[in-house]
């Protein structure tokens, strides 16, 4: 088990793979679910799915303190660079790149991406990470349901991390349909129960998924981890 995934509440995740520390959508300050503060975070890479404030979050402060490299679409990394962050790498939808921690491809996501100051945040994205031991992790990001999730599933997904909160993203019904399209071995739901507006019954959803698919669901509390 060379990869560990930690949920910090909302859509913020930590991935430790072969000793590399990745933080996805580093939203700690203002995140009522986060068990840690931004100044406690250690990171080698910061991955940002889209430009909204609850996903860009503390990326600038963390990158400047830790010297982490920020990875996102070209518009977001250009904006991040203008804020004083020195190490960035821009990609775009469908494009992949081999990093020391694995191969990372940007996938489609159905959402918005305006940056906190109203700047153009480019296209929202998910991430398809192939680790150095060839495990495939699909981080859907903030998204609605779309049919091409089936194509992503054809990659052979070991773990899918998907939103279930509704209102801003897929809700439980569409998230269940997403699992049926992706057919991952394991699933972690995120982007729910941060606020009342996106409150959902995670265990009830997990039961439905496991009754109707062959996927195993892991409901994490903020700060808990799953080893892949």
Foldseek 3Di string as FASTA:
>chain_A
DQWKWAFQAAQWIWIQGNNAIEIFQPAAVVQPQGPDHLVVDAHQEYEFQAADCSRCHCVLVNCVVRVHEYEYAPQVVVVSVVVPRDHYDHDDAQDWDQDPFFIKHWHAAAAAHQHPVRDHTDGGTWIWGQGPVRATETEGPAHEADQCLLVVLVSAHQEYEEEAQPPRGNHLVRVLVSCVSNVYQEYEYHNAPSDPSRHDDVVVSQVVSVVVGNHHYDYDRRGDMDDD
